[in-house]
């Protein structure tokens, strides 16, 4: 029941933190192994969701540190690549769905790529609170419990993270406009 209820949201949280879907899937499995091994130590001081998210963020942080020490030598099939315009893509992104037009797919893909790139450029402390609040829908109090910080710090990081996200999106939009202008000239 725990996996059915929390696996999607835990995977989503970790995927936005690690940027590699394969690593996120592995870390998600590790999280649930730790949850099952340590469920007896859950004391109920916080909600079960908060406890699981705290474990997930800790595992994602451990994974990031491990990869930064051991430079990755492999290439995945669904790895993000950059085209000549500096936009990232993967083969999975290029597959169309039967329920929307190619224009809708391309537009949605561009927006998603810009948002993911902007999120990826944020410092981890800001990215974590933005993902927890805006994507996972966690309350300020839940975020404070998950990250073991005060509610005031959560509010501050969310405000600073949103400002940094706006700045990143503005930079991405203005650089894309410059590229289009250069191509037109």
C-alpha atoms as a PDB file:
ATOM      1  CA  UNK A   1       0.000   0.000   0.000  1.00  0.00           C
ATOM      2  CA  UNK A   2       2.840   2.388   0.786  1.00  0.00           C
ATOM      3  CA  UNK A   3       4.436   1.904  -2.616  1.00  0.00           C
ATOM      4  CA  UNK A   4       1.115   2.305  -4.406  1.00  0.00           C
ATOM      5  CA  UNK A   5       0.323   5.481  -2.503  1.00  0.00           C
ATOM      6  CA  UNK A   6       3.717   7.212  -2.462  1.00  0.00           C
ATOM      7  CA  UNK A   7       5.895   5.810  -5.262  1.00  0.00           C
ATOM      8  CA  UNK A   8       4.787   8.253  -7.950  1.00  0.00           C
ATOM      9  CA  UNK A   9       5.246  11.360  -5.820  1.00  0.00           C
ATOM     10  CA  UNK A  10       8.557  10.115  -4.370  1.00  0.00           C
ATOM     11  CA  UNK A  11       9.857   9.317  -7.865  1.00  0.00           C
ATOM     12  CA  UNK A  12       8.736  12.745  -9.098  1.00  0.00           C
ATOM     13  CA  UNK A  13      10.500  14.488  -6.226  1.00  0.00           C
ATOM     14  CA  UNK A  14      13.717  12.541  -6.738  1.00  0.00           C
ATOM     15  CA  UNK A  15      13.643  12.884 -10.559  1.00  0.00           C
ATOM     16  CA  UNK A  16      13.550  16.658 -10.263  1.00  0.00           C
ATOM     17  CA  UNK A  17      16.439  16.546  -7.868  1.00  0.00           C
ATOM     18  CA  UNK A  18      18.674  14.167  -9.826  1.00  0.00           C
ATOM     19  CA  UNK A  19      17.760  14.952 -13.467  1.00  0.00           C
ATOM     20  CA  UNK A  20      18.339  11.340 -14.601  1.00  0.00           C
ATOM     21  CA  UNK A  21      15.226   9.143 -14.768  1.00  0.00           C
ATOM     22  CA  UNK A  22      17.189   5.904 -14.402  1.00  0.00           C
ATOM     23  CA  UNK A  23      18.957   7.155 -11.280  1.00  0.00           C
ATOM     24  CA  UNK A  24      15.669   8.474  -9.920  1.00  0.00           C
ATOM     25  CA  UNK A  25      14.060   5.043 -10.344  1.00  0.00           C
ATOM     26  CA  UNK A  26      16.969   3.353  -8.561  1.00  0.00           C
ATOM     27  CA  UNK A  27      16.944   5.866  -5.709  1.00  0.00           C
ATOM     28  CA  UNK A  28      13.160   5.519  -5.396  1.00  0.00           C
ATOM     29  CA  UNK A  29      13.605   1.782  -4.888  1.00  0.00           C
ATOM     30  CA  UNK A  30      16.318   2.447  -2.311  1.00  0.00           C
ATOM     31  CA  UNK A  31      13.977   4.830  -0.484  1.00  0.00           C
ATOM     32  CA  UNK A  32      11.278   2.193  -0.135  1.00  0.00           C
ATOM     33  CA  UNK A  33      13.792  -0.426   0.958  1.00  0.00           C
ATOM     34  CA  UNK A  34      14.887   1.974   3.712  1.00  0.00           C
ATOM     35  CA  UNK A  35      11.269   2.743   4.590  1.00  0.00           C
ATOM     36  CA  UNK A  36      10.458  -0.962   5.002  1.00  0.00           C
ATOM     37  CA  UNK A  37      13.641  -1.685   6.950  1.00  0.00           C
ATOM     38  CA  UNK A  38      13.126   1.274   9.275  1.00  0.00           C
ATOM     39  CA  UNK A  39       9.332   1.474   9.578  1.00  0.00           C
ATOM     40  CA  UNK A  40       9.642   0.362  13.188  1.00  0.00           C
ATOM     41  CA  UNK A  41      11.650   3.522  13.947  1.00  0.00           C
ATOM     42  CA  UNK A  42       8.852   5.771  12.646  1.00  0.00           C
ATOM     43  CA  UNK A  43       7.608   7.458  15.804  1.00  0.00           C
ATOM     44  CA  UNK A  44       4.666   9.410  14.421  1.00  0.00           C
ATOM     45  CA  UNK A  45       6.123  12.815  15.339  1.00  0.00           C
ATOM     46  CA  UNK A  46       5.362  13.862  11.768  1.00  0.00           C
ATOM     47  CA  UNK A  47       3.152  12.478   9.025  1.00  0.00           C
ATOM     48  CA  UNK A  48       4.228   9.340   7.191  1.00  0.00           C
ATOM     49  CA  UNK A  49       4.480  11.384   3.969  1.00  0.00           C
ATOM     50  CA  UNK A  50       6.882  13.816   5.644  1.00  0.00           C
ATOM     51  CA  UNK A  51       9.030  10.966   6.957  1.00  0.00           C
ATOM     52  CA  UNK A  52       9.183   9.274   3.535  1.00  0.00           C
ATOM     53  CA  UNK A  53       9.968  12.571   1.746  1.00  0.00           C
ATOM     54  CA  UNK A  54      12.760  13.257   4.230  1.00  0.00           C
ATOM     55  CA  UNK A  55      14.288   9.861   3.443  1.00  0.00           C
ATOM     56  CA  UNK A  56      13.852  10.503  -0.306  1.00  0.00           C
ATOM     57  CA  UNK A  57      15.607  13.880  -0.211  1.00  0.00           C
ATOM     58  CA  UNK A  58      18.437  12.455   1.872  1.00  0.00           C
ATOM     59  CA  UNK A  59      18.915   9.593  -0.592  1.00  0.00           C
ATOM     60  CA  UNK A  60      18.818  11.991  -3.575  1.00  0.00           C
ATOM     61  CA  UNK A  61      21.436  14.152  -1.885  1.00  0.00           C
ATOM     62  CA  UNK A  62      23.615  11.106  -1.240  1.00  0.00           C
ATOM     63  CA  UNK A  63      23.285  10.096  -4.899  1.00  0.00           C
ATOM     64  CA  UNK A  64      24.286  13.586  -6.113  1.00  0.00           C
ATOM     65  CA  UNK A  65      27.350  13.560  -3.845  1.00  0.00           C
ATOM     66  CA  UNK A  66      28.349  10.071  -4.992  1.00  0.00           C
ATOM     67  CA  UNK A  67      28.115  11.020  -8.686  1.00  0.00           C
ATOM     68  CA  UNK A  68      30.047  14.235  -8.157  1.00  0.00           C
ATOM     69  CA  UNK A  69      32.906  12.189  -6.696  1.00  0.00           C
ATOM     70  CA  UNK A  70      32.742   9.453  -9.342  1.00  0.00           C
ATOM     71  CA  UNK A  71      32.507  11.144 -12.698  1.00  0.00           C
ATOM     72  CA  UNK A  72      30.010   9.272 -14.771  1.00  0.00           C
ATOM     73  CA  UNK A  73      31.446   7.353 -17.735  1.00  0.00           C
ATOM     74  CA  UNK A  74      28.312   5.812 -19.244  1.00  0.00           C
ATOM     75  CA  UNK A  75      25.760   7.136 -21.702  1.00  0.00           C
ATOM     76  CA  UNK A  76      22.079   6.259 -21.407  1.00  0.00           C
ATOM     77  CA  UNK A  77      19.735   5.873 -24.363  1.00  0.00           C
ATOM     78  CA  UNK A  78      17.328   8.467 -22.968  1.00  0.00           C
ATOM     79  CA  UNK A  79      20.122  10.874 -22.063  1.00  0.00           C
ATOM     80  CA  UNK A  80      19.488  14.550 -22.675  1.00  0.00           C
ATOM     81  CA  UNK A  81      21.376  15.938 -25.673  1.00  0.00           C
ATOM     82  CA  UNK A  82      21.797  19.499 -26.918  1.00  0.00           C
ATOM     83  CA  UNK A  83      21.125  20.657 -30.435  1.00  0.00           C
ATOM     84  CA  UNK A  84      22.939  23.500 -32.225  1.00  0.00           C
ATOM     85  CA  UNK A  85      20.623  26.049 -30.590  1.00  0.00           C
ATOM     86  CA  UNK A  86      21.521  24.907 -27.073  1.00  0.00           C
ATOM     87  CA  UNK A  87      18.132  23.259 -26.444  1.00  0.00           C
ATOM     88  CA  UNK A  88      18.130  19.861 -24.771  1.00  0.00           C
ATOM     89  CA  UNK A  89      16.189  16.857 -26.029  1.00  0.00           C
ATOM     90  CA  UNK A  90      15.999  13.089 -25.789  1.00  0.00           C
ATOM     91  CA  UNK A  91      14.632  10.502 -28.198  1.00  0.00           C
ATOM     92  CA  UNK A  92      11.670   9.864 -25.900  1.00  0.00           C
ATOM     93  CA  UNK A  93      10.775  13.569 -26.137  1.00  0.00           C
ATOM     94  CA  UNK A  94      10.541  13.327 -29.916  1.00  0.00           C
ATOM     95  CA  UNK A  95       7.808  10.676 -29.891  1.00  0.00           C
ATOM     96  CA  UNK A  96       4.362  12.104 -30.576  1.00  0.00           C
ATOM     97  CA  UNK A  97       1.235  11.106 -28.712  1.00  0.00           C
ATOM     98  CA  UNK A  98      -1.892  10.291 -30.747  1.00  0.00           C
ATOM     99  CA  UNK A  99      -4.118  12.647 -28.756  1.00  0.00           C
ATOM    100  CA  UNK A 100      -2.428  15.966 -29.593  1.00  0.00           C
ATOM    101  CA  UNK A 101      -1.112  17.761 -32.644  1.00  0.00           C
ATOM    102  CA  UNK A 102       2.581  17.997 -33.500  1.00  0.00           C
ATOM    103  CA  UNK A 103       2.437  21.734 -32.770  1.00  0.00           C
ATOM    104  CA  UNK A 104       0.944  21.091 -29.314  1.00  0.00           C
ATOM    105  CA  UNK A 105       3.594  18.462 -28.625  1.00  0.00           C
ATOM    106  CA  UNK A 106       6.415  20.769 -29.710  1.00  0.00           C
ATOM    107  CA  UNK A 107       5.047  23.696 -27.741  1.00  0.00           C
ATOM    108  CA  UNK A 108       4.537  21.610 -24.607  1.00  0.00           C
ATOM    109  CA  UNK A 109       7.988  20.096 -25.010  1.00  0.00           C
ATOM    110  CA  UNK A 110       9.671  23.482 -25.341  1.00  0.00           C
ATOM    111  CA  UNK A 111       7.923  24.809 -22.245  1.00  0.00           C
ATOM    112  CA  UNK A 112       8.758  21.674 -20.263  1.00  0.00           C
ATOM    113  CA  UNK A 113      12.410  21.807 -21.330  1.00  0.00           C
ATOM    114  CA  UNK A 114      12.694  25.464 -20.365  1.00  0.00           C
ATOM    115  CA  UNK A 115      11.072  24.834 -16.992  1.00  0.00           C
ATOM    116  CA  UNK A 116      13.224  21.761 -16.275  1.00  0.00           C
ATOM    117  CA  UNK A 117      16.367  23.646 -17.345  1.00  0.00           C
ATOM    118  CA  UNK A 118      15.441  26.582 -15.123  1.00  0.00           C
ATOM    119  CA  UNK A 119      14.705  24.256 -12.181  1.00  0.00           C
ATOM    120  CA  UNK A 120      17.979  22.423 -12.789  1.00  0.00           C
ATOM    121  CA  UNK A 121      19.918  25.681 -12.663  1.00  0.00           C
ATOM    122  CA  UNK A 122      18.615  26.533  -9.183  1.00  0.00           C
ATOM    123  CA  UNK A 123      20.651  25.809  -6.089  1.00  0.00           C
ATOM    124  CA  UNK A 124      19.484  22.507  -4.527  1.00  0.00           C
ATOM    125  CA  UNK A 125      18.074  24.194  -1.409  1.00  0.00           C
ATOM    126  CA  UNK A 126      15.798  26.384  -3.568  1.00  0.00           C
ATOM    127  CA  UNK A 127      14.929  23.595  -6.018  1.00  0.00           C
ATOM    128  CA  UNK A 128      13.834  21.312  -3.159  1.00  0.00           C
ATOM    129  CA  UNK A 129      11.383  23.799  -1.647  1.00  0.00           C
ATOM    130  CA  UNK A 130       9.994  24.836  -5.059  1.00  0.00           C
ATOM    131  CA  UNK A 131       9.407  21.210  -6.077  1.00  0.00           C
ATOM    132  CA  UNK A 132       7.850  20.329  -2.725  1.00  0.00           C
ATOM    133  CA  UNK A 133       5.561  23.379  -2.709  1.00  0.00           C
ATOM    134  CA  UNK A 134       4.636  23.928  -6.352  1.00  0.00           C
ATOM    135  CA  UNK A 135       4.746  20.409  -7.775  1.00  0.00           C
ATOM    136  CA  UNK A 136       4.071  18.155  -4.787  1.00  0.00           C
ATOM    137  CA  UNK A 137       1.664  20.600  -3.127  1.00  0.00           C
ATOM    138  CA  UNK A 138       3.218  20.310   0.330  1.00  0.00           C
ATOM    139  CA  UNK A 139       2.311  22.893   2.957  1.00  0.00           C
ATOM    140  CA  UNK A 140       4.920  25.177   4.505  1.00  0.00           C
ATOM    141  CA  UNK A 141       4.752  23.130   7.693  1.00  0.00           C
ATOM    142  CA  UNK A 142       5.255  19.838   5.836  1.00  0.00           C
ATOM    143  CA  UNK A 143       8.231  21.263   3.959  1.00  0.00           C
ATOM    144  CA  UNK A 144       9.731  22.494   7.220  1.00  0.00           C
ATOM    145  CA  UNK A 145       9.374  19.003   8.705  1.00  0.00           C
ATOM    146  CA  UNK A 146      10.737  17.244   5.617  1.00  0.00           C
ATOM    147  CA  UNK A 147      13.804  19.475   5.373  1.00  0.00           C
ATOM    148  CA  UNK A 148      14.172  19.936   9.140  1.00  0.00           C
ATOM    149  CA  UNK A 149      14.152  23.749   8.890  1.00  0.00           C
ATOM    150  CA  UNK A 150      11.873  26.468  10.252  1.00  0.00           C
ATOM    151  CA  UNK A 151       8.716  27.655   8.491  1.00  0.00           C
ATOM    152  CA  UNK A 152      10.319  31.090   8.144  1.00  0.00           C
ATOM    153  CA  UNK A 153      13.272  29.552   6.315  1.00  0.00           C
ATOM    154  CA  UNK A 154      10.853  27.658   4.059  1.00  0.00           C
ATOM    155  CA  UNK A 155       9.037  30.883   3.154  1.00  0.00           C
ATOM    156  CA  UNK A 156      12.316  32.679   2.534  1.00  0.00           C
ATOM    157  CA  UNK A 157      13.681  29.896   0.327  1.00  0.00           C
ATOM    158  CA  UNK A 158      10.429  29.704  -1.636  1.00  0.00           C
ATOM    159  CA  UNK A 159      10.484  33.449  -2.271  1.00  0.00           C
ATOM    160  CA  UNK A 160      14.150  33.415  -3.259  1.00  0.00           C
ATOM    161  CA  UNK A 161      13.681  30.235  -5.305  1.00  0.00           C
ATOM    162  CA  UNK A 162      10.745  31.710  -7.220  1.00  0.00           C
ATOM    163  CA  UNK A 163      12.751  34.852  -7.940  1.00  0.00           C
ATOM    164  CA  UNK A 164      15.701  32.779  -9.155  1.00  0.00           C
ATOM    165  CA  UNK A 165      13.352  30.633 -11.255  1.00  0.00           C
ATOM    166  CA  UNK A 166      11.829  33.749 -12.855  1.00  0.00           C
ATOM    167  CA  UNK A 167      15.323  35.031 -13.607  1.00  0.00           C
ATOM    168  CA  UNK A 168      16.377  31.691 -15.139  1.00  0.00           C
ATOM    169  CA  UNK A 169      13.238  31.534 -17.298  1.00  0.00           C
ATOM    170  CA  UNK A 170      13.829  35.124 -18.412  1.00  0.00           C
ATOM    171  CA  UNK A 171      17.399  34.305 -19.399  1.00  0.00           C
ATOM    172  CA  UNK A 172      16.294  31.214 -21.308  1.00  0.00           C
ATOM    173  CA  UNK A 173      13.558  33.145 -23.122  1.00  0.00           C
ATOM    174  CA  UNK A 174      15.816  36.075 -24.021  1.00  0.00           C
ATOM    175  CA  UNK A 175      18.611  33.801 -25.271  1.00  0.00           C
ATOM    176  CA  UNK A 176      16.123  31.865 -27.434  1.00  0.00           C
ATOM    177  CA  UNK A 177      14.827  35.164 -28.876  1.00  0.00           C
ATOM    178  CA  UNK A 178      18.393  36.258 -29.701  1.00  0.00           C
ATOM    179  CA  UNK A 179      19.023  32.980 -31.518  1.00  0.00           C
ATOM    180  CA  UNK A 180      15.823  33.430 -33.564  1.00  0.00           C
ATOM    181  CA  UNK A 181      16.826  37.003 -34.434  1.00  0.00           C
ATOM    182  CA  UNK A 182      20.260  35.856 -35.569  1.00  0.00           C
ATOM    183  CA  UNK A 183      18.733  33.126 -37.715  1.00  0.00           C
ATOM    184  CA  UNK A 184      16.349  35.612 -39.324  1.00  0.00           C
ATOM    185  CA  UNK A 185      19.181  38.025 -40.140  1.00  0.00           C
END
